[in-house]
Amino acid sequence: MLTKKHLMPPLLVLVCLLYAGLINPLDSRIVGVSVLPVIFAAIFLIQLLGFGYAWWARTERFYDLIGSLTFISAVLLALMLNPAPSTYSYVMTALVVVWALRLGTFLFLRIADVGEDRRFRKIKQSFWHFLLVWTLQGVWVSLTSSAALVAILTPNAALTGFAGLGLLIWFGGFTLEVVADKQKGDFRKDPANAGQFISRGVWAICRHPNYLGEIMLWTGVFLAALPVMQSWQFATVLSPLFVVVLLTRISGIPTLAHRGVSQWGNDPAYQAYLRDTPVLIPRLLVQNRGSKS
């Protein structure tokens, strides 16, 4: 008997394919077939292949890496399928590739160092739950990259001043994310900080500066893609909105907040950090503090 766990993966794929058909640029067709649904189908095929190996090996080590490589594959495929790519198409492709290479490498090295992603301890024991997680990664790639893919697929598109604003916001977000990850990585490597939480550097202006950077850079991608959009393509505002919802309501901040309270909830210094430090949006003036000692 078919249940929700059986129906959810194909339903998610179908919804994403319908969305791709809705926002597909009019000129982006191959032998009469819309290109963007084909790219989305390739995104989910990569996840299915990744899931097949991961289930056989009972490993999650390559999950984030494959997600990042899927982003790269999707935008490069879009660039190849654009009959008349412009400098604009190449720039939009570069934004995604640079981000994905950096984040994918960072996450893969982190899990290689730790040995496992503890989120998957129970998940990878269930075929359908594990498959759903891989399917959701396909949804993440599809929705998040949708604005960039529309822009890349648009023939003969030109860079505009408005696109330049998007590029600046992307650069600011990318820089913030890199700095936040670097500072936290260096903090954790110092034996003197074992078992402590970071509250210095960019972590003093908000509790999740890496997530703020992620939201900024995908907002920048959407704004950079905005000048070429028409009709239903404005629905690609789902790209930054999905990132916001994912990080603030689903798998990002709520998970880390629960973990932080479990680990340091009774620590007065941590309680003060929670009280005085914004969750995501920095205040204009925030006094820089050192780490808890």
C-alpha atoms as a PDB file:
ATOM      1  CA  MET A   1       0.000   0.000   0.000  1.00  0.00           C
ATOM      2  CA  LEU A   2       1.336   3.413  -1.001  1.00  0.00           C
ATOM      3  CA  THR A   3       1.827   5.820   1.885  1.00  0.00           C
ATOM      4  CA  LYS A   4       3.009   9.396   2.278  1.00  0.00           C
ATOM      5  CA  LYS A   5       6.647   8.315   2.521  1.00  0.00           C
ATOM      6  CA  HIS A   6       6.362   6.543  -0.852  1.00  0.00           C
ATOM      7  CA  LEU A   7       4.547   9.374  -2.625  1.00  0.00           C
ATOM      8  CA  MET A   8       6.527  12.352  -1.326  1.00  0.00           C
ATOM      9  CA  PRO A   9       9.730  11.969  -3.449  1.00  0.00           C
ATOM     10  CA  PRO A  10       7.977  11.685  -6.854  1.00  0.00           C
ATOM     11  CA  LEU A  11       5.513  14.420  -5.864  1.00  0.00           C
ATOM     12  CA  LEU A  12       8.340  16.819  -5.019  1.00  0.00           C
ATOM     13  CA  VAL A  13      10.034  16.061  -8.333  1.00  0.00           C
ATOM     14  CA  LEU A  14       6.797  16.648 -10.245  1.00  0.00           C
ATOM     15  CA  VAL A  15       6.166  20.003  -8.550  1.00  0.00           C
ATOM     16  CA  CYS A  16       9.691  21.165  -9.363  1.00  0.00           C
ATOM     17  CA  LEU A  17       9.361  20.094 -13.009  1.00  0.00           C
ATOM     18  CA  LEU A  18       6.083  22.010 -13.318  1.00  0.00           C
ATOM     19  CA  TYR A  19       7.753  25.058 -11.786  1.00  0.00           C
ATOM     20  CA  ALA A  20      10.612  24.732 -14.279  1.00  0.00           C
ATOM     21  CA  GLY A  21       8.165  24.640 -17.187  1.00  0.00           C
ATOM     22  CA  LEU A  22       6.444  27.755 -15.843  1.00  0.00           C
ATOM     23  CA  ILE A  23       9.599  29.880 -15.630  1.00  0.00           C
ATOM     24  CA  ASN A  24      11.435  28.505 -18.672  1.00  0.00           C
ATOM     25  CA  PRO A  25      12.671  31.324 -20.984  1.00  0.00           C
ATOM     26  CA  LEU A  26      10.586  31.316 -24.187  1.00  0.00           C
ATOM     27  CA  ASP A  27      13.611  30.962 -26.451  1.00  0.00           C
ATOM     28  CA  SER A  28      15.111  28.107 -24.421  1.00  0.00           C
ATOM     29  CA  ARG A  29      13.955  25.001 -26.269  1.00  0.00           C
ATOM     30  CA  ILE A  30      15.616  21.979 -27.820  1.00  0.00           C
ATOM     31  CA  VAL A  31      13.627  20.248 -30.569  1.00  0.00           C
ATOM     32  CA  GLY A  32      10.533  21.863 -29.123  1.00  0.00           C
ATOM     33  CA  VAL A  33      11.240  20.779 -25.531  1.00  0.00           C
ATOM     34  CA  SER A  34      11.656  23.352 -22.773  1.00  0.00           C
ATOM     35  CA  VAL A  35      15.233  23.351 -21.530  1.00  0.00           C
ATOM     36  CA  LEU A  36      14.739  24.195 -17.858  1.00  0.00           C
ATOM     37  CA  PRO A  37      12.639  21.093 -17.021  1.00  0.00           C
ATOM     38  CA  VAL A  38      15.393  19.020 -18.626  1.00  0.00           C
ATOM     39  CA  ILE A  39      17.971  20.676 -16.378  1.00  0.00           C
ATOM     40  CA  PHE A  40      15.788  20.092 -13.324  1.00  0.00           C
ATOM     41  CA  ALA A  41      15.385  16.452 -14.327  1.00  0.00           C
ATOM     42  CA  ALA A  42      19.185  16.181 -14.524  1.00  0.00           C
ATOM     43  CA  ILE A  43      19.424  17.692 -11.030  1.00  0.00           C
ATOM     44  CA  PHE A  44      17.178  14.986  -9.589  1.00  0.00           C
ATOM     45  CA  LEU A  45      18.918  12.252 -11.580  1.00  0.00           C
ATOM     46  CA  ILE A  46      22.230  13.230  -9.982  1.00  0.00           C
ATOM     47  CA  GLN A  47      20.602  13.007  -6.537  1.00  0.00           C
ATOM     48  CA  LEU A  48      19.164   9.587  -7.360  1.00  0.00           C
ATOM     49  CA  LEU A  49      22.593   8.314  -8.411  1.00  0.00           C
ATOM     50  CA  GLY A  50      24.141   9.816  -5.285  1.00  0.00           C
ATOM     51  CA  PHE A  51      21.464   8.211  -3.130  1.00  0.00           C
ATOM     52  CA  GLY A  52      22.065   4.826  -4.773  1.00  0.00           C
ATOM     53  CA  TYR A  53      25.716   4.818  -3.788  1.00  0.00           C
ATOM     54  CA  ALA A  54      25.062   6.388  -0.358  1.00  0.00           C
ATOM     55  CA  TRP A  55      22.433   3.761   0.480  1.00  0.00           C
ATOM     56  CA  TRP A  56      24.696   0.926  -0.639  1.00  0.00           C
ATOM     57  CA  ALA A  57      27.618   2.283   1.405  1.00  0.00           C
ATOM     58  CA  ARG A  58      25.440   3.616   4.268  1.00  0.00           C
ATOM     59  CA  THR A  59      27.326   6.902   4.128  1.00  0.00           C
ATOM     60  CA  GLU A  60      26.443  10.571   4.075  1.00  0.00           C
ATOM     61  CA  ARG A  61      29.988  11.812   3.531  1.00  0.00           C
ATOM     62  CA  PHE A  62      29.386  12.899  -0.055  1.00  0.00           C
ATOM     63  CA  TYR A  63      25.919  14.393   0.467  1.00  0.00           C
ATOM     64  CA  ASP A  64      26.923  18.065   0.680  1.00  0.00           C
ATOM     65  CA  LEU A  65      29.662  17.652  -1.932  1.00  0.00           C
ATOM     66  CA  ILE A  66      27.234  16.161  -4.452  1.00  0.00           C
ATOM     67  CA  GLY A  67      24.802  18.972  -3.710  1.00  0.00           C
ATOM     68  CA  SER A  68      27.441  21.559  -4.568  1.00  0.00           C
ATOM     69  CA  LEU A  69      28.551  19.663  -7.681  1.00  0.00           C
ATOM     70  CA  THR A  70      24.911  19.532  -8.773  1.00  0.00           C
ATOM     71  CA  PHE A  71      24.700  23.323  -8.648  1.00  0.00           C
ATOM     72  CA  ILE A  72      27.802  23.512 -10.828  1.00  0.00           C
ATOM     73  CA  SER A  73      26.497  20.910 -13.251  1.00  0.00           C
ATOM     74  CA  ALA A  74      23.142  22.684 -13.567  1.00  0.00           C
ATOM     75  CA  VAL A  75      24.535  26.127 -14.393  1.00  0.00           C
ATOM     76  CA  LEU A  76      27.176  24.752 -16.763  1.00  0.00           C
ATOM     77  CA  LEU A  77      24.506  22.734 -18.572  1.00  0.00           C
ATOM     78  CA  ALA A  78      22.363  25.876 -18.829  1.00  0.00           C
ATOM     79  CA  LEU A  79      25.298  27.799 -20.259  1.00  0.00           C
ATOM     80  CA  MET A  80      25.950  25.064 -22.843  1.00  0.00           C
ATOM     81  CA  LEU A  81      22.281  25.030 -23.873  1.00  0.00           C
ATOM     82  CA  ASN A  82      22.058  28.804 -24.342  1.00  0.00           C
ATOM     83  CA  PRO A  83      22.197  29.334 -28.134  1.00  0.00           C
ATOM     84  CA  ALA A  84      23.681  32.820 -27.731  1.00  0.00           C
ATOM     85  CA  PRO A  85      25.391  33.187 -24.329  1.00  0.00           C
ATOM     86  CA  SER A  86      26.605  36.666 -23.436  1.00  0.00           C
ATOM     87  CA  THR A  87      29.036  38.032 -20.885  1.00  0.00           C
ATOM     88  CA  TYR A  88      26.028  38.303 -18.588  1.00  0.00           C
ATOM     89  CA  SER A  89      25.406  34.539 -18.861  1.00  0.00           C
ATOM     90  CA  TYR A  90      29.032  33.794 -18.029  1.00  0.00           C
ATOM     91  CA  VAL A  91      28.994  36.162 -15.035  1.00  0.00           C
ATOM     92  CA  MET A  92      25.826  34.599 -13.635  1.00  0.00           C
ATOM     93  CA  THR A  93      27.338  31.148 -14.096  1.00  0.00           C
ATOM     94  CA  ALA A  94      30.501  32.233 -12.300  1.00  0.00           C
ATOM     95  CA  LEU A  95      28.528  33.466  -9.270  1.00  0.00           C
ATOM     96  CA  VAL A  96      27.063  30.015  -8.691  1.00  0.00           C
ATOM     97  CA  VAL A  97      30.222  28.069  -9.547  1.00  0.00           C
ATOM     98  CA  VAL A  98      32.460  30.110  -7.222  1.00  0.00           C
ATOM     99  CA  TRP A  99      29.969  29.800  -4.353  1.00  0.00           C
ATOM    100  CA  ALA A 100      29.431  26.063  -4.888  1.00  0.00           C
ATOM    101  CA  LEU A 101      33.152  25.264  -5.160  1.00  0.00           C
ATOM    102  CA  ARG A 102      33.904  27.129  -1.947  1.00  0.00           C
ATOM    103  CA  LEU A 103      30.983  25.764   0.088  1.00  0.00           C
ATOM    104  CA  GLY A 104      31.239  22.217  -1.263  1.00  0.00           C
ATOM    105  CA  THR A 105      34.947  22.017  -0.468  1.00  0.00           C
ATOM    106  CA  PHE A 106      34.419  23.527   2.979  1.00  0.00           C
ATOM    107  CA  LEU A 107      31.614  21.126   3.925  1.00  0.00           C
ATOM    108  CA  PHE A 108      33.372  18.064   2.521  1.00  0.00           C
ATOM    109  CA  LEU A 109      36.598  18.806   4.397  1.00  0.00           C
ATOM    110  CA  ARG A 110      34.623  19.454   7.568  1.00  0.00           C
ATOM    111  CA  ILE A 111      32.818  16.124   7.472  1.00  0.00           C
ATOM    112  CA  ALA A 112      36.053  14.359   6.490  1.00  0.00           C
ATOM    113  CA  ASP A 113      37.651  15.828   9.605  1.00  0.00           C
ATOM    114  CA  VAL A 114      34.743  15.009  11.934  1.00  0.00           C
ATOM    115  CA  GLY A 115      34.019  11.609  10.370  1.00  0.00           C
ATOM    116  CA  GLU A 116      30.240  11.860  10.117  1.00  0.00           C
ATOM    117  CA  ASP A 117      27.278  14.186   9.834  1.00  0.00           C
ATOM    118  CA  ARG A 118      25.284  13.384  12.944  1.00  0.00           C
ATOM    119  CA  ARG A 119      22.058  14.582  11.312  1.00  0.00           C
ATOM    120  CA  PHE A 120      22.125  11.345   9.307  1.00  0.00           C
ATOM    121  CA  ARG A 121      22.661   8.808  12.099  1.00  0.00           C
ATOM    122  CA  LYS A 122      19.040   7.648  12.045  1.00  0.00           C
ATOM    123  CA  ILE A 123      18.076   8.888   8.600  1.00  0.00           C
ATOM    124  CA  LYS A 124      20.489   6.660   6.703  1.00  0.00           C
ATOM    125  CA  GLN A 125      19.024   3.548   8.340  1.00  0.00           C
ATOM    126  CA  SER A 126      15.670   4.074   6.576  1.00  0.00           C
ATOM    127  CA  PHE A 127      15.516   3.651   2.779  1.00  0.00           C
ATOM    128  CA  TRP A 128      12.565   5.990   2.259  1.00  0.00           C
ATOM    129  CA  HIS A 129      13.705   8.614   4.749  1.00  0.00           C
ATOM    130  CA  PHE A 130      17.178   8.639   3.224  1.00  0.00           C
ATOM    131  CA  LEU A 131      15.701   8.868  -0.285  1.00  0.00           C
ATOM    132  CA  LEU A 132      13.508  11.778   0.813  1.00  0.00           C
ATOM    133  CA  VAL A 133      16.536  13.662   2.122  1.00  0.00           C
ATOM    134  CA  TRP A 134      18.307  13.238  -1.215  1.00  0.00           C
ATOM    135  CA  THR A 135      15.149  14.317  -3.031  1.00  0.00           C
ATOM    136  CA  LEU A 136      14.947  17.398  -0.829  1.00  0.00           C
ATOM    137  CA  GLN A 137      18.497  18.226  -1.835  1.00  0.00           C
ATOM    138  CA  GLY A 138      17.283  18.177  -5.434  1.00  0.00           C
ATOM    139  CA  VAL A 139      14.486  20.573  -4.436  1.00  0.00           C
ATOM    140  CA  TRP A 140      17.051  22.811  -2.738  1.00  0.00           C
ATOM    141  CA  VAL A 141      19.273  22.923  -5.820  1.00  0.00           C
ATOM    142  CA  SER A 142      16.344  23.433  -8.209  1.00  0.00           C
ATOM    143  CA  LEU A 143      14.582  26.231  -6.340  1.00  0.00           C
ATOM    144  CA  THR A 144      17.708  28.022  -5.144  1.00  0.00           C
ATOM    145  CA  SER A 145      19.366  28.064  -8.567  1.00  0.00           C
ATOM    146  CA  SER A 146      16.184  28.886 -10.507  1.00  0.00           C
ATOM    147  CA  ALA A 147      16.779  32.640 -10.829  1.00  0.00           C
ATOM    148  CA  ALA A 148      20.360  32.090 -11.935  1.00  0.00           C
ATOM    149  CA  LEU A 149      19.292  29.430 -14.452  1.00  0.00           C
ATOM    150  CA  VAL A 150      16.689  31.711 -16.024  1.00  0.00           C
ATOM    151  CA  ALA A 151      19.327  34.417 -16.403  1.00  0.00           C
ATOM    152  CA  ILE A 152      21.946  32.061 -17.818  1.00  0.00           C
ATOM    153  CA  LEU A 153      19.500  30.607 -20.350  1.00  0.00           C
ATOM    154  CA  THR A 154      18.408  34.022 -21.662  1.00  0.00           C
ATOM    155  CA  PRO A 155      20.141  34.621 -25.042  1.00  0.00           C
ATOM    156  CA  ASN A 156      22.015  37.861 -25.744  1.00  0.00           C
ATOM    157  CA  ALA A 157      21.298  39.315 -22.290  1.00  0.00           C
ATOM    158  CA  ALA A 158      23.233  42.411 -21.257  1.00  0.00           C
ATOM    159  CA  LEU A 159      24.631  43.500 -17.913  1.00  0.00           C
ATOM    160  CA  THR A 160      22.776  46.499 -16.451  1.00  0.00           C
ATOM    161  CA  GLY A 161      23.220  48.811 -13.510  1.00  0.00           C
ATOM    162  CA  PHE A 162      20.553  46.914 -11.590  1.00  0.00           C
ATOM    163  CA  ALA A 163      22.419  43.670 -12.209  1.00  0.00           C
ATOM    164  CA  GLY A 164      25.509  45.408 -10.865  1.00  0.00           C
ATOM    165  CA  LEU A 165      23.687  46.068  -7.589  1.00  0.00           C
ATOM    166  CA  GLY A 166      22.933  42.354  -7.352  1.00  0.00           C
ATOM    167  CA  LEU A 167      26.590  41.537  -7.945  1.00  0.00           C
ATOM    168  CA  LEU A 168      27.645  43.863  -5.117  1.00  0.00           C
ATOM    169  CA  ILE A 169      25.189  42.244  -2.710  1.00  0.00           C
ATOM    170  CA  TRP A 170      26.370  38.790  -3.804  1.00  0.00           C
ATOM    171  CA  PHE A 171      29.991  39.790  -3.164  1.00  0.00           C
ATOM    172  CA  GLY A 172      29.146  41.172   0.277  1.00  0.00           C
ATOM    173  CA  GLY A 173      27.240  38.020   1.224  1.00  0.00           C
ATOM    174  CA  PHE A 174      29.917  35.710  -0.131  1.00  0.00           C
ATOM    175  CA  THR A 175      32.637  37.577   1.751  1.00  0.00           C
ATOM    176  CA  LEU A 176      30.657  37.495   4.997  1.00  0.00           C
ATOM    177  CA  GLU A 177      30.033  33.747   4.671  1.00  0.00           C
ATOM    178  CA  VAL A 178      33.700  32.996   3.978  1.00  0.00           C
ATOM    179  CA  VAL A 179      34.914  35.149   6.869  1.00  0.00           C
ATOM    180  CA  ALA A 180      32.364  33.626   9.266  1.00  0.00           C
ATOM    181  CA  ASP A 181      33.317  30.063   8.350  1.00  0.00           C
ATOM    182  CA  LYS A 182      37.023  30.875   8.588  1.00  0.00           C
ATOM    183  CA  GLN A 183      36.701  32.503  11.995  1.00  0.00           C
ATOM    184  CA  LYS A 184      34.631  29.637  13.378  1.00  0.00           C
ATOM    185  CA  GLY A 185      37.008  27.057  11.933  1.00  0.00           C
ATOM    186  CA  ASP A 186      40.028  28.776  13.489  1.00  0.00           C
ATOM    187  CA  PHE A 187      38.178  29.070  16.802  1.00  0.00           C
ATOM    188  CA  ARG A 188      37.429  25.352  16.902  1.00  0.00           C
ATOM    189  CA  LYS A 189      41.006  24.397  16.031  1.00  0.00           C
ATOM    190  CA  ASP A 190      42.348  26.193  19.112  1.00  0.00           C
ATOM    191  CA  PRO A 191      42.453  23.665  22.005  1.00  0.00           C
ATOM    192  CA  ALA A 192      41.882  26.535  24.429  1.00  0.00           C
ATOM    193  CA  ASN A 193      38.370  26.930  23.000  1.00  0.00           C
ATOM    194  CA  ALA A 194      37.314  23.306  23.427  1.00  0.00           C
ATOM    195  CA  GLY A 195      33.685  23.071  24.493  1.00  0.00           C
ATOM    196  CA  GLN A 196      33.133  26.825  24.147  1.00  0.00           C
ATOM    197  CA  PHE A 197      31.011  28.932  21.807  1.00  0.00           C
ATOM    198  CA  ILE A 198      32.290  31.648  19.493  1.00  0.00           C
ATOM    199  CA  SER A 199      31.150  35.203  20.066  1.00  0.00           C
ATOM    200  CA  ARG A 200      33.896  37.290  18.492  1.00  0.00           C
ATOM    201  CA  GLY A 201      34.632  38.658  15.058  1.00  0.00           C
ATOM    202  CA  VAL A 202      31.563  38.661  12.822  1.00  0.00           C
ATOM    203  CA  TRP A 203      29.938  36.304  15.342  1.00  0.00           C
ATOM    204  CA  ALA A 204      29.685  39.300  17.684  1.00  0.00           C
ATOM    205  CA  ILE A 205      27.344  41.202  15.345  1.00  0.00           C
ATOM    206  CA  CYS A 206      24.852  38.339  14.936  1.00  0.00           C
ATOM    207  CA  ARG A 207      24.576  34.702  15.970  1.00  0.00           C
ATOM    208  CA  HIS A 208      24.507  33.318  12.433  1.00  0.00           C
ATOM    209  CA  PRO A 209      26.648  35.521  10.159  1.00  0.00           C
ATOM    210  CA  ASN A 210      27.305  32.637   7.753  1.00  0.00           C
ATOM    211  CA  TYR A 211      23.566  32.234   7.184  1.00  0.00           C
ATOM    212  CA  LEU A 212      23.174  35.975   6.739  1.00  0.00           C
ATOM    213  CA  GLY A 213      25.867  35.826   4.069  1.00  0.00           C
ATOM    214  CA  GLU A 214      24.076  32.924   2.364  1.00  0.00           C
ATOM    215  CA  ILE A 215      20.799  34.856   2.268  1.00  0.00           C
ATOM    216  CA  MET A 216      22.536  37.979   0.974  1.00  0.00           C
ATOM    217  CA  LEU A 217      24.340  36.244  -1.857  1.00  0.00           C
ATOM    218  CA  TRP A 218      21.238  34.466  -3.186  1.00  0.00           C
ATOM    219  CA  THR A 219      19.304  37.733  -2.903  1.00  0.00           C
ATOM    220  CA  GLY A 220      22.080  39.261  -4.964  1.00  0.00           C
ATOM    221  CA  VAL A 221      21.750  36.514  -7.582  1.00  0.00           C
ATOM    222  CA  PHE A 222      18.011  37.144  -7.845  1.00  0.00           C
ATOM    223  CA  LEU A 223      18.495  40.913  -8.196  1.00  0.00           C
ATOM    224  CA  ALA A 224      21.188  40.373 -10.828  1.00  0.00           C
ATOM    225  CA  ALA A 225      18.797  38.108 -12.748  1.00  0.00           C
ATOM    226  CA  LEU A 226      15.811  40.432 -12.390  1.00  0.00           C
ATOM    227  CA  PRO A 227      16.456  42.613 -15.494  1.00  0.00           C
ATOM    228  CA  VAL A 228      15.947  39.687 -17.907  1.00  0.00           C
ATOM    229  CA  MET A 229      12.824  38.258 -16.280  1.00  0.00           C
ATOM    230  CA  GLN A 230       9.390  38.294 -17.841  1.00  0.00           C
ATOM    231  CA  SER A 231       5.943  37.125 -16.808  1.00  0.00           C
ATOM    232  CA  TRP A 232       6.079  33.963 -14.646  1.00  0.00           C
ATOM    233  CA  GLN A 233       9.859  34.189 -14.341  1.00  0.00           C
ATOM    234  CA  PHE A 234       9.372  36.667 -11.494  1.00  0.00           C
ATOM    235  CA  ALA A 235       8.280  33.606  -9.518  1.00  0.00           C
ATOM    236  CA  THR A 236      11.997  32.871  -9.151  1.00  0.00           C
ATOM    237  CA  VAL A 237      11.830  35.162  -6.136  1.00  0.00           C
ATOM    238  CA  LEU A 238      11.328  31.722  -4.581  1.00  0.00           C
ATOM    239  CA  SER A 239      15.121  31.366  -4.830  1.00  0.00           C
ATOM    240  CA  PRO A 240      16.067  33.776  -1.998  1.00  0.00           C
ATOM    241  CA  LEU A 241      12.779  33.193  -0.156  1.00  0.00           C
ATOM    242  CA  PHE A 242      13.398  29.450  -0.077  1.00  0.00           C
ATOM    243  CA  VAL A 243      16.882  30.049   1.319  1.00  0.00           C
ATOM    244  CA  VAL A 244      15.432  32.310   4.019  1.00  0.00           C
ATOM    245  CA  VAL A 245      12.786  29.765   5.025  1.00  0.00           C
ATOM    246  CA  LEU A 246      15.246  26.869   4.919  1.00  0.00           C
ATOM    247  CA  LEU A 247      17.809  28.591   7.135  1.00  0.00           C
ATOM    248  CA  THR A 248      15.472  30.335   9.567  1.00  0.00           C
ATOM    249  CA  ARG A 249      12.624  27.838   9.915  1.00  0.00           C
ATOM    250  CA  ILE A 250      13.752  24.348   8.886  1.00  0.00           C
ATOM    251  CA  SER A 251      17.307  23.037   8.990  1.00  0.00           C
ATOM    252  CA  GLY A 252      19.509  25.974   9.906  1.00  0.00           C
ATOM    253  CA  ILE A 253      18.916  28.260  12.863  1.00  0.00           C
ATOM    254  CA  PRO A 254      16.336  26.081  14.713  1.00  0.00           C
ATOM    255  CA  THR A 255      18.687  23.082  14.740  1.00  0.00           C
ATOM    256  CA  LEU A 256      21.683  25.077  15.932  1.00  0.00           C
ATOM    257  CA  ALA A 257      19.622  26.972  18.506  1.00  0.00           C
ATOM    258  CA  HIS A 258      18.411  23.709  20.035  1.00  0.00           C
ATOM    259  CA  ARG A 259      21.944  22.323  20.064  1.00  0.00           C
ATOM    260  CA  GLY A 260      23.318  25.498  21.635  1.00  0.00           C
ATOM    261  CA  VAL A 261      20.760  25.549  24.431  1.00  0.00           C
ATOM    262  CA  SER A 262      21.398  21.860  25.107  1.00  0.00           C
ATOM    263  CA  GLN A 263      25.131  22.470  25.381  1.00  0.00           C
ATOM    264  CA  TRP A 264      25.432  25.900  27.027  1.00  0.00           C
ATOM    265  CA  GLY A 265      21.888  26.743  28.143  1.00  0.00           C
ATOM    266  CA  ASN A 266      22.862  27.065  31.812  1.00  0.00           C
ATOM    267  CA  ASP A 267      25.953  29.164  31.102  1.00  0.00           C
ATOM    268  CA  PRO A 268      25.378  32.837  32.095  1.00  0.00           C
ATOM    269  CA  ALA A 269      27.803  33.968  29.364  1.00  0.00           C
ATOM    270  CA  TYR A 270      25.788  32.103  26.737  1.00  0.00           C
ATOM    271  CA  GLN A 271      22.533  33.487  28.101  1.00  0.00           C
ATOM    272  CA  ALA A 272      24.018  36.980  27.821  1.00  0.00           C
ATOM    273  CA  TYR A 273      25.126  36.239  24.255  1.00  0.00           C
ATOM    274  CA  LEU A 274      21.597  35.168  23.346  1.00  0.00           C
ATOM    275  CA  ARG A 275      20.144  38.231  25.001  1.00  0.00           C
ATOM    276  CA  ASP A 276      22.520  40.815  23.541  1.00  0.00           C
ATOM    277  CA  THR A 277      23.274  39.447  20.065  1.00  0.00           C
ATOM    278  CA  PRO A 278      20.732  39.549  17.197  1.00  0.00           C
ATOM    279  CA  VAL A 279      19.845  36.185  15.680  1.00  0.00           C
ATOM    280  CA  LEU A 280      20.449  37.198  12.064  1.00  0.00           C
ATOM    281  CA  ILE A 281      20.157  40.921  11.296  1.00  0.00           C
ATOM    282  CA  PRO A 282      22.946  42.932  12.963  1.00  0.00           C
ATOM    283  CA  ARG A 283      22.205  46.115  14.808  1.00  0.00           C
ATOM    284  CA  LEU A 284      23.884  49.238  13.475  1.00  0.00           C
ATOM    285  CA  LEU A 285      26.131  49.431  16.496  1.00  0.00           C
ATOM    286  CA  VAL A 286      27.186  46.284  18.302  1.00  0.00           C
ATOM    287  CA  GLN A 287      30.000  46.229  20.812  1.00  0.00           C
ATOM    288  CA  ASN A 288      32.556  43.599  19.863  1.00  0.00           C
ATOM    289  CA  ARG A 289      33.036  40.967  22.560  1.00  0.00           C
ATOM    290  CA  GLY A 290      35.602  38.277  22.991  1.00  0.00           C
ATOM    291  CA  SER A 291      34.769  34.614  23.140  1.00  0.00           C
ATOM    292  CA  LYS A 292      33.465  33.015  26.289  1.00  0.00           C
ATOM    293  CA  SER A 293      36.294  31.935  28.513  1.00  0.00           C
END
